[in-house]
Amino acid sequence: MLVTPDSPPISAVLFDLDGTLIDTAPDFIRCLNQLRLQHGLAPLPAEQIRRSVSNGARAMIRVGFGLEPEHPDYLAKHTAFLDLYEAGVAEETRLFEGMEELLQALEHRGIPWGIVTNKPARFAVPLIEALGLSSRCATLVCPDHVTHRKPHPESLILACRQIGTEPGTGLYVGDHERDIEAGRNAGMRTVAVRYGYIEQPERVDLWQADLIADTVKDLAKLLQ
């Protein structure tokens, strides 16, 4: 479990980005429906798109057009979607409600926090800059910085090294099974959050996270 009488104190908190730290879904929804309109298709319901956001652009093209990477039309639509997203990466994206207060509490206690994401630096760097987070987070690790993506632990181990802490005293928070698997593989304690982009919320109980938070408020209580 996360907290036991002999547990070391948490030395750092690492967050997944989309669906955990920030709500990027509005910009994904906007871009995908904009692309559909360009192809003469009606907009999709926001919730239909939202639940697949954590799976990235590939999932967006699957949801929006029913295409897989091997389809001859896939690459053009994938590229067009990413270009639309890059042009407005933070138009509607915000921290989840209550997350600013959570981050301030960590900073007040002198606990560094960082971001480990499968989102490429092309999007992640300008996004956290636009949200005013780049000077506050202790590290940002993207797939560009490592050889292996999550659920491989490389990115988490790198983040801990950059912060100057041991993985065994760090905590990773995520909204996808691969986040929890990566955290376990790195030897970190883990929290799965159910407020993110979960396709099957009931399956979160099977991810083997140390703890589960249903809301940002719940997460803040756990981190106290």
C-alpha atoms as a PDB file:
ATOM      1  CA  MET A   1       0.000   0.000   0.000  1.00  0.00           C
ATOM      2  CA  LEU A   2       0.976   3.612  -0.436  1.00  0.00           C
ATOM      3  CA  VAL A   3       1.226   4.465   3.260  1.00  0.00           C
ATOM      4  CA  THR A   4       2.357   2.101   5.991  1.00  0.00           C
ATOM      5  CA  PRO A   5       4.082   2.833   9.320  1.00  0.00           C
ATOM      6  CA  ASP A   6       7.476   2.114   7.769  1.00  0.00           C
ATOM      7  CA  SER A   7       6.875   3.731   4.364  1.00  0.00           C
ATOM      8  CA  PRO A   8       9.435   6.374   3.391  1.00  0.00           C
ATOM      9  CA  PRO A   9       7.939   9.837   2.829  1.00  0.00           C
ATOM     10  CA  ILE A  10       7.081  10.797  -0.728  1.00  0.00           C
ATOM     11  CA  SER A  11      10.090  12.616  -2.204  1.00  0.00           C
ATOM     12  CA  ALA A  12       8.518  13.616  -5.543  1.00  0.00           C
ATOM     13  CA  VAL A  13       5.239  13.310  -7.421  1.00  0.00           C
ATOM     14  CA  LEU A  14       5.177  12.605 -11.148  1.00  0.00           C
ATOM     15  CA  PHE A  15       2.025  13.052 -13.210  1.00  0.00           C
ATOM     16  CA  ASP A  16       0.877  11.734 -16.543  1.00  0.00           C
ATOM     17  CA  LEU A  17      -0.251  14.707 -18.624  1.00  0.00           C
ATOM     18  CA  ASP A  18      -3.468  14.170 -20.616  1.00  0.00           C
ATOM     19  CA  GLY A  19      -6.343  13.062 -18.408  1.00  0.00           C
ATOM     20  CA  THR A  20      -4.358  13.294 -15.180  1.00  0.00           C
ATOM     21  CA  LEU A  21      -2.801  16.729 -14.758  1.00  0.00           C
ATOM     22  CA  ILE A  22      -4.616  18.625 -17.481  1.00  0.00           C
ATOM     23  CA  ASP A  23      -7.878  18.308 -19.375  1.00  0.00           C
ATOM     24  CA  THR A  24      -6.804  18.307 -23.023  1.00  0.00           C
ATOM     25  CA  ALA A  25     -10.010  16.719 -24.282  1.00  0.00           C
ATOM     26  CA  PRO A  26     -11.712  19.975 -25.389  1.00  0.00           C
ATOM     27  CA  ASP A  27      -8.933  20.717 -27.875  1.00  0.00           C
ATOM     28  CA  PHE A  28      -8.868  17.116 -29.138  1.00  0.00           C
ATOM     29  CA  ILE A  29     -12.643  17.234 -29.611  1.00  0.00           C
ATOM     30  CA  ARG A  30     -12.464  20.588 -31.375  1.00  0.00           C
ATOM     31  CA  CYS A  31      -9.697  19.472 -33.761  1.00  0.00           C
ATOM     32  CA  LEU A  32     -11.231  16.113 -34.613  1.00  0.00           C
ATOM     33  CA  ASN A  33     -14.653  17.570 -35.326  1.00  0.00           C
ATOM     34  CA  GLN A  34     -13.049  20.362 -37.349  1.00  0.00           C
ATOM     35  CA  LEU A  35     -11.296  17.732 -39.462  1.00  0.00           C
ATOM     36  CA  ARG A  36     -14.541  15.794 -39.885  1.00  0.00           C
ATOM     37  CA  LEU A  37     -16.284  18.958 -41.078  1.00  0.00           C
ATOM     38  CA  GLN A  38     -13.531  19.462 -43.659  1.00  0.00           C
ATOM     39  CA  HIS A  39     -14.453  16.026 -45.008  1.00  0.00           C
ATOM     40  CA  GLY A  40     -18.188  16.721 -45.039  1.00  0.00           C
ATOM     41  CA  LEU A  41     -18.934  14.712 -41.885  1.00  0.00           C
ATOM     42  CA  ALA A  42     -21.095  15.773 -38.954  1.00  0.00           C
ATOM     43  CA  PRO A  43     -19.446  16.447 -35.568  1.00  0.00           C
ATOM     44  CA  LEU A  44     -19.273  13.543 -33.139  1.00  0.00           C
ATOM     45  CA  PRO A  45     -20.602  13.802 -29.573  1.00  0.00           C
ATOM     46  CA  ALA A  46     -17.919  15.144 -27.244  1.00  0.00           C
ATOM     47  CA  GLU A  47     -18.108  12.187 -24.867  1.00  0.00           C
ATOM     48  CA  GLN A  48     -17.534   9.692 -27.676  1.00  0.00           C
ATOM     49  CA  ILE A  49     -14.221  11.407 -28.433  1.00  0.00           C
ATOM     50  CA  ARG A  50     -13.281  12.241 -24.858  1.00  0.00           C
ATOM     51  CA  ARG A  51     -13.009   8.687 -23.583  1.00  0.00           C
ATOM     52  CA  SER A  52     -10.290   7.885 -26.154  1.00  0.00           C
ATOM     53  CA  VAL A  53      -8.118  10.987 -25.698  1.00  0.00           C
ATOM     54  CA  SER A  54      -5.483   9.226 -23.565  1.00  0.00           C
ATOM     55  CA  ASN A  55      -4.743   6.921 -26.501  1.00  0.00           C
ATOM     56  CA  GLY A  56      -3.530   9.818 -28.640  1.00  0.00           C
ATOM     57  CA  ALA A  57      -3.894  10.819 -32.277  1.00  0.00           C
ATOM     58  CA  ARG A  58      -4.105   7.252 -33.551  1.00  0.00           C
ATOM     59  CA  ALA A  59      -7.227   6.736 -31.453  1.00  0.00           C
ATOM     60  CA  MET A  60      -8.652  10.036 -32.684  1.00  0.00           C
ATOM     61  CA  ILE A  61      -8.420   8.901 -36.313  1.00  0.00           C
ATOM     62  CA  ARG A  62      -9.966   5.570 -35.382  1.00  0.00           C
ATOM     63  CA  VAL A  63     -12.858   7.276 -33.586  1.00  0.00           C
ATOM     64  CA  GLY A  64     -13.318  10.017 -36.175  1.00  0.00           C
ATOM     65  CA  PHE A  65     -12.903   8.050 -39.385  1.00  0.00           C
ATOM     66  CA  GLY A  66     -12.761   4.353 -38.525  1.00  0.00           C
ATOM     67  CA  LEU A  67      -9.255   4.096 -39.992  1.00  0.00           C
ATOM     68  CA  GLU A  68      -6.256   2.079 -38.815  1.00  0.00           C
ATOM     69  CA  PRO A  69      -2.615   2.947 -39.692  1.00  0.00           C
ATOM     70  CA  GLU A  70      -2.455   0.435 -42.539  1.00  0.00           C
ATOM     71  CA  HIS A  71      -5.312   2.155 -44.405  1.00  0.00           C
ATOM     72  CA  PRO A  72      -4.117   4.261 -47.384  1.00  0.00           C
ATOM     73  CA  ASP A  73      -6.063   7.326 -46.159  1.00  0.00           C
ATOM     74  CA  TYR A  74      -4.814   7.101 -42.578  1.00  0.00           C
ATOM     75  CA  LEU A  75      -1.550   9.031 -42.829  1.00  0.00           C
ATOM     76  CA  ALA A  76      -3.058  12.111 -44.463  1.00  0.00           C
ATOM     77  CA  LYS A  77      -5.779  12.398 -41.837  1.00  0.00           C
ATOM     78  CA  HIS A  78      -3.345  11.676 -38.989  1.00  0.00           C
ATOM     79  CA  THR A  79      -1.009  14.420 -40.218  1.00  0.00           C
ATOM     80  CA  ALA A  80      -3.856  16.880 -40.724  1.00  0.00           C
ATOM     81  CA  PHE A  81      -5.159  16.219 -37.217  1.00  0.00           C
ATOM     82  CA  LEU A  82      -1.740  16.802 -35.638  1.00  0.00           C
ATOM     83  CA  ASP A  83      -1.266  20.019 -37.597  1.00  0.00           C
ATOM     84  CA  LEU A  84      -4.640  21.313 -36.387  1.00  0.00           C
ATOM     85  CA  TYR A  85      -3.797  20.344 -32.829  1.00  0.00           C
ATOM     86  CA  GLU A  86      -0.345  21.937 -32.908  1.00  0.00           C
ATOM     87  CA  ALA A  87      -1.842  25.203 -34.167  1.00  0.00           C
ATOM     88  CA  GLY A  88      -4.156  25.416 -31.146  1.00  0.00           C
ATOM     89  CA  VAL A  89      -2.634  23.181 -28.529  1.00  0.00           C
ATOM     90  CA  ALA A  90      -3.915  25.191 -25.558  1.00  0.00           C
ATOM     91  CA  GLU A  91      -6.992  27.019 -26.826  1.00  0.00           C
ATOM     92  CA  GLU A  92      -9.361  25.213 -24.458  1.00  0.00           C
ATOM     93  CA  THR A  93      -7.026  22.988 -22.422  1.00  0.00           C
ATOM     94  CA  ARG A  94      -6.852  23.683 -18.693  1.00  0.00           C
ATOM     95  CA  LEU A  95      -5.663  22.111 -15.470  1.00  0.00           C
ATOM     96  CA  PHE A  96      -8.349  19.890 -13.997  1.00  0.00           C
ATOM     97  CA  GLU A  97     -10.451  21.691 -11.414  1.00  0.00           C
ATOM     98  CA  GLY A  98      -8.636  21.605  -8.068  1.00  0.00           C
ATOM     99  CA  MET A  99      -5.267  20.692  -9.603  1.00  0.00           C
ATOM    100  CA  GLU A 100      -3.780  24.180  -9.188  1.00  0.00           C
ATOM    101  CA  GLU A 101      -4.440  24.025  -5.453  1.00  0.00           C
ATOM    102  CA  LEU A 102      -2.932  20.523  -5.309  1.00  0.00           C
ATOM    103  CA  LEU A 103       0.252  21.680  -7.060  1.00  0.00           C
ATOM    104  CA  GLN A 104       0.525  24.709  -4.794  1.00  0.00           C
ATOM    105  CA  ALA A 105       0.235  22.429  -1.757  1.00  0.00           C
ATOM    106  CA  LEU A 106       3.088  20.244  -3.032  1.00  0.00           C
ATOM    107  CA  GLU A 107       5.219  23.310  -3.722  1.00  0.00           C
ATOM    108  CA  HIS A 108       4.462  24.716  -0.274  1.00  0.00           C
ATOM    109  CA  ARG A 109       5.664  21.460   1.275  1.00  0.00           C
ATOM    110  CA  GLY A 110       8.825  21.474  -0.815  1.00  0.00           C
ATOM    111  CA  ILE A 111       7.859  18.334  -2.755  1.00  0.00           C
ATOM    112  CA  PRO A 112       8.976  18.581  -6.399  1.00  0.00           C
ATOM    113  CA  TRP A 113       6.548  17.497  -9.075  1.00  0.00           C
ATOM    114  CA  GLY A 114       7.066  16.643 -12.710  1.00  0.00           C
ATOM    115  CA  ILE A 115       5.451  15.266 -15.827  1.00  0.00           C
ATOM    116  CA  VAL A 116       6.086  11.973 -17.606  1.00  0.00           C
ATOM    117  CA  THR A 117       3.998  11.594 -20.730  1.00  0.00           C
ATOM    118  CA  ASN A 118       3.739   9.704 -23.998  1.00  0.00           C
ATOM    119  CA  LYS A 119       2.825  13.032 -25.639  1.00  0.00           C
ATOM    120  CA  PRO A 120       5.626  14.152 -27.999  1.00  0.00           C
ATOM    121  CA  ALA A 121       7.635  17.226 -26.971  1.00  0.00           C
ATOM    122  CA  ARG A 122       6.340  18.980 -30.112  1.00  0.00           C
ATOM    123  CA  PHE A 123       3.014  19.351 -28.297  1.00  0.00           C
ATOM    124  CA  ALA A 124       3.869  18.939 -24.616  1.00  0.00           C
ATOM    125  CA  VAL A 125       6.467  21.712 -24.367  1.00  0.00           C
ATOM    126  CA  PRO A 126       4.346  24.552 -25.829  1.00  0.00           C
ATOM    127  CA  LEU A 127       1.346  23.249 -23.921  1.00  0.00           C
ATOM    128  CA  ILE A 128       2.897  23.485 -20.471  1.00  0.00           C
ATOM    129  CA  GLU A 129       4.437  26.819 -21.405  1.00  0.00           C
ATOM    130  CA  ALA A 130       1.021  28.168 -22.404  1.00  0.00           C
ATOM    131  CA  LEU A 131      -0.417  27.000 -19.083  1.00  0.00           C
ATOM    132  CA  GLY A 132       2.385  28.639 -17.094  1.00  0.00           C
ATOM    133  CA  LEU A 133       3.704  25.332 -15.761  1.00  0.00           C
ATOM    134  CA  SER A 134       7.137  25.111 -17.376  1.00  0.00           C
ATOM    135  CA  SER A 135       8.898  27.109 -14.654  1.00  0.00           C
ATOM    136  CA  ARG A 136       7.172  25.121 -11.910  1.00  0.00           C
ATOM    137  CA  CYS A 137       7.541  21.491 -12.908  1.00  0.00           C
ATOM    138  CA  ALA A 138      10.842  19.903 -11.959  1.00  0.00           C
ATOM    139  CA  THR A 139      11.012  17.730 -15.068  1.00  0.00           C
ATOM    140  CA  LEU A 140       9.162  17.003 -18.289  1.00  0.00           C
ATOM    141  CA  VAL A 141       9.943  13.663 -19.931  1.00  0.00           C
ATOM    142  CA  CYS A 142       8.448  12.915 -23.350  1.00  0.00           C
ATOM    143  CA  PRO A 143       8.967   9.977 -25.740  1.00  0.00           C
ATOM    144  CA  ASP A 144      11.567  12.118 -27.538  1.00  0.00           C
ATOM    145  CA  HIS A 145      13.813  11.882 -24.471  1.00  0.00           C
ATOM    146  CA  VAL A 146      13.891   8.082 -24.111  1.00  0.00           C
ATOM    147  CA  THR A 147      14.211   4.914 -26.151  1.00  0.00           C
ATOM    148  CA  HIS A 148      11.088   3.203 -24.804  1.00  0.00           C
ATOM    149  CA  ARG A 149       7.608   4.603 -24.153  1.00  0.00           C
ATOM    150  CA  LYS A 150       5.453   3.750 -21.169  1.00  0.00           C
ATOM    151  CA  PRO A 151       4.689   1.132 -19.917  1.00  0.00           C
ATOM    152  CA  HIS A 152       8.475   0.704 -20.027  1.00  0.00           C
ATOM    153  CA  PRO A 153       9.897   2.357 -16.878  1.00  0.00           C
ATOM    154  CA  GLU A 154      12.718   4.242 -18.653  1.00  0.00           C
ATOM    155  CA  SER A 155      10.942   7.614 -18.722  1.00  0.00           C
ATOM    156  CA  LEU A 156      10.017   7.450 -15.031  1.00  0.00           C
ATOM    157  CA  ILE A 157      13.520   6.449 -14.003  1.00  0.00           C
ATOM    158  CA  LEU A 158      14.915   9.338 -16.068  1.00  0.00           C
ATOM    159  CA  ALA A 159      12.494  11.791 -14.437  1.00  0.00           C
ATOM    160  CA  CYS A 160      13.499  10.665 -10.960  1.00  0.00           C
ATOM    161  CA  ARG A 161      17.161  11.005 -11.884  1.00  0.00           C
ATOM    162  CA  GLN A 162      16.577  14.546 -13.173  1.00  0.00           C
ATOM    163  CA  ILE A 163      14.776  15.505  -9.978  1.00  0.00           C
ATOM    164  CA  GLY A 164      17.458  13.838  -7.864  1.00  0.00           C
ATOM    165  CA  THR A 165      15.291  11.281  -6.126  1.00  0.00           C
ATOM    166  CA  GLU A 166      15.038   7.511  -5.989  1.00  0.00           C
ATOM    167  CA  PRO A 167      12.076   5.871  -7.765  1.00  0.00           C
ATOM    168  CA  GLY A 168      11.270   3.911  -4.618  1.00  0.00           C
ATOM    169  CA  THR A 169      10.377   7.121  -2.759  1.00  0.00           C
ATOM    170  CA  GLY A 170       8.536   8.702  -5.682  1.00  0.00           C
ATOM    171  CA  LEU A 171       4.877   8.527  -6.669  1.00  0.00           C
ATOM    172  CA  TYR A 172       3.395   8.310 -10.167  1.00  0.00           C
ATOM    173  CA  VAL A 173      -0.175   9.370 -10.903  1.00  0.00           C
ATOM    174  CA  GLY A 174      -1.929   8.304 -14.103  1.00  0.00           C
ATOM    175  CA  ASP A 175      -5.259   7.609 -15.792  1.00  0.00           C
ATOM    176  CA  HIS A 176      -4.250   4.664 -17.974  1.00  0.00           C
ATOM    177  CA  GLU A 177      -3.248   1.096 -17.212  1.00  0.00           C
ATOM    178  CA  ARG A 178       0.118   1.663 -18.927  1.00  0.00           C
ATOM    179  CA  ASP A 179       0.839   4.476 -16.429  1.00  0.00           C
ATOM    180  CA  ILE A 180       0.363   2.188 -13.473  1.00  0.00           C
ATOM    181  CA  GLU A 181       2.335  -0.579 -15.133  1.00  0.00           C
ATOM    182  CA  ALA A 182       5.186   1.840 -15.844  1.00  0.00           C
ATOM    183  CA  GLY A 183       5.163   3.041 -12.257  1.00  0.00           C
ATOM    184  CA  ARG A 184       5.275  -0.492 -10.898  1.00  0.00           C
ATOM    185  CA  ASN A 185       8.041  -1.408 -13.342  1.00  0.00           C
ATOM    186  CA  ALA A 186      10.060   1.563 -12.075  1.00  0.00           C
ATOM    187  CA  GLY A 187       9.555   0.573  -8.444  1.00  0.00           C
ATOM    188  CA  MET A 188       7.423   3.631  -7.697  1.00  0.00           C
ATOM    189  CA  ARG A 189       4.245   3.871  -5.709  1.00  0.00           C
ATOM    190  CA  THR A 190       1.226   4.550  -7.928  1.00  0.00           C
ATOM    191  CA  VAL A 191      -2.167   6.237  -7.887  1.00  0.00           C
ATOM    192  CA  ALA A 192      -4.732   5.566 -10.617  1.00  0.00           C
ATOM    193  CA  VAL A 193      -7.205   8.388 -11.204  1.00  0.00           C
ATOM    194  CA  ARG A 194     -10.705   7.688 -12.429  1.00  0.00           C
ATOM    195  CA  TYR A 195     -11.569  11.276 -13.405  1.00  0.00           C
ATOM    196  CA  GLY A 196      -9.492  11.079 -16.600  1.00  0.00           C
ATOM    197  CA  TYR A 197     -10.289   9.553 -19.968  1.00  0.00           C
ATOM    198  CA  ILE A 198     -11.223   6.068 -18.830  1.00  0.00           C
ATOM    199  CA  GLU A 199     -12.953   3.854 -21.373  1.00  0.00           C
ATOM    200  CA  GLN A 200     -13.871   1.225 -18.760  1.00  0.00           C
ATOM    201  CA  PRO A 201     -13.838   2.813 -15.267  1.00  0.00           C
ATOM    202  CA  GLU A 202     -14.613  -0.472 -13.544  1.00  0.00           C
ATOM    203  CA  ARG A 203     -11.363  -1.976 -14.840  1.00  0.00           C
ATOM    204  CA  VAL A 204      -9.255   0.534 -12.893  1.00  0.00           C
ATOM    205  CA  ASP A 205      -9.592  -1.786  -9.897  1.00  0.00           C
ATOM    206  CA  LEU A 206      -7.629  -4.414 -11.859  1.00  0.00           C
ATOM    207  CA  TRP A 207      -4.636  -2.186 -12.637  1.00  0.00           C
ATOM    208  CA  GLN A 208      -2.851  -3.035  -9.367  1.00  0.00           C
ATOM    209  CA  ALA A 209      -2.321   0.604  -8.413  1.00  0.00           C
ATOM    210  CA  ASP A 210      -1.473   1.259  -4.771  1.00  0.00           C
ATOM    211  CA  LEU A 211      -4.419   3.622  -4.499  1.00  0.00           C
ATOM    212  CA  ILE A 212      -7.274   4.936  -6.644  1.00  0.00           C
ATOM    213  CA  ALA A 213      -8.610   8.503  -6.685  1.00  0.00           C
ATOM    214  CA  ASP A 214     -12.049   9.204  -8.132  1.00  0.00           C
ATOM    215  CA  THR A 215     -11.590  12.989  -8.180  1.00  0.00           C
ATOM    216  CA  VAL A 216      -8.822  15.579  -7.935  1.00  0.00           C
ATOM    217  CA  LYS A 217     -10.081  16.315  -4.420  1.00  0.00           C
ATOM    218  CA  ASP A 218      -9.575  12.648  -3.520  1.00  0.00           C
ATOM    219  CA  LEU A 219      -6.067  12.770  -5.000  1.00  0.00           C
ATOM    220  CA  ALA A 220      -5.222  15.852  -2.960  1.00  0.00           C
ATOM    221  CA  LYS A 221      -6.290  14.065   0.230  1.00  0.00           C
ATOM    222  CA  LEU A 222      -4.117  11.066  -0.634  1.00  0.00           C
ATOM    223  CA  LEU A 223      -1.108  13.289  -1.225  1.00  0.00           C
ATOM    224  CA  GLN A 224      -1.526  14.921   2.170  1.00  0.00           C
END
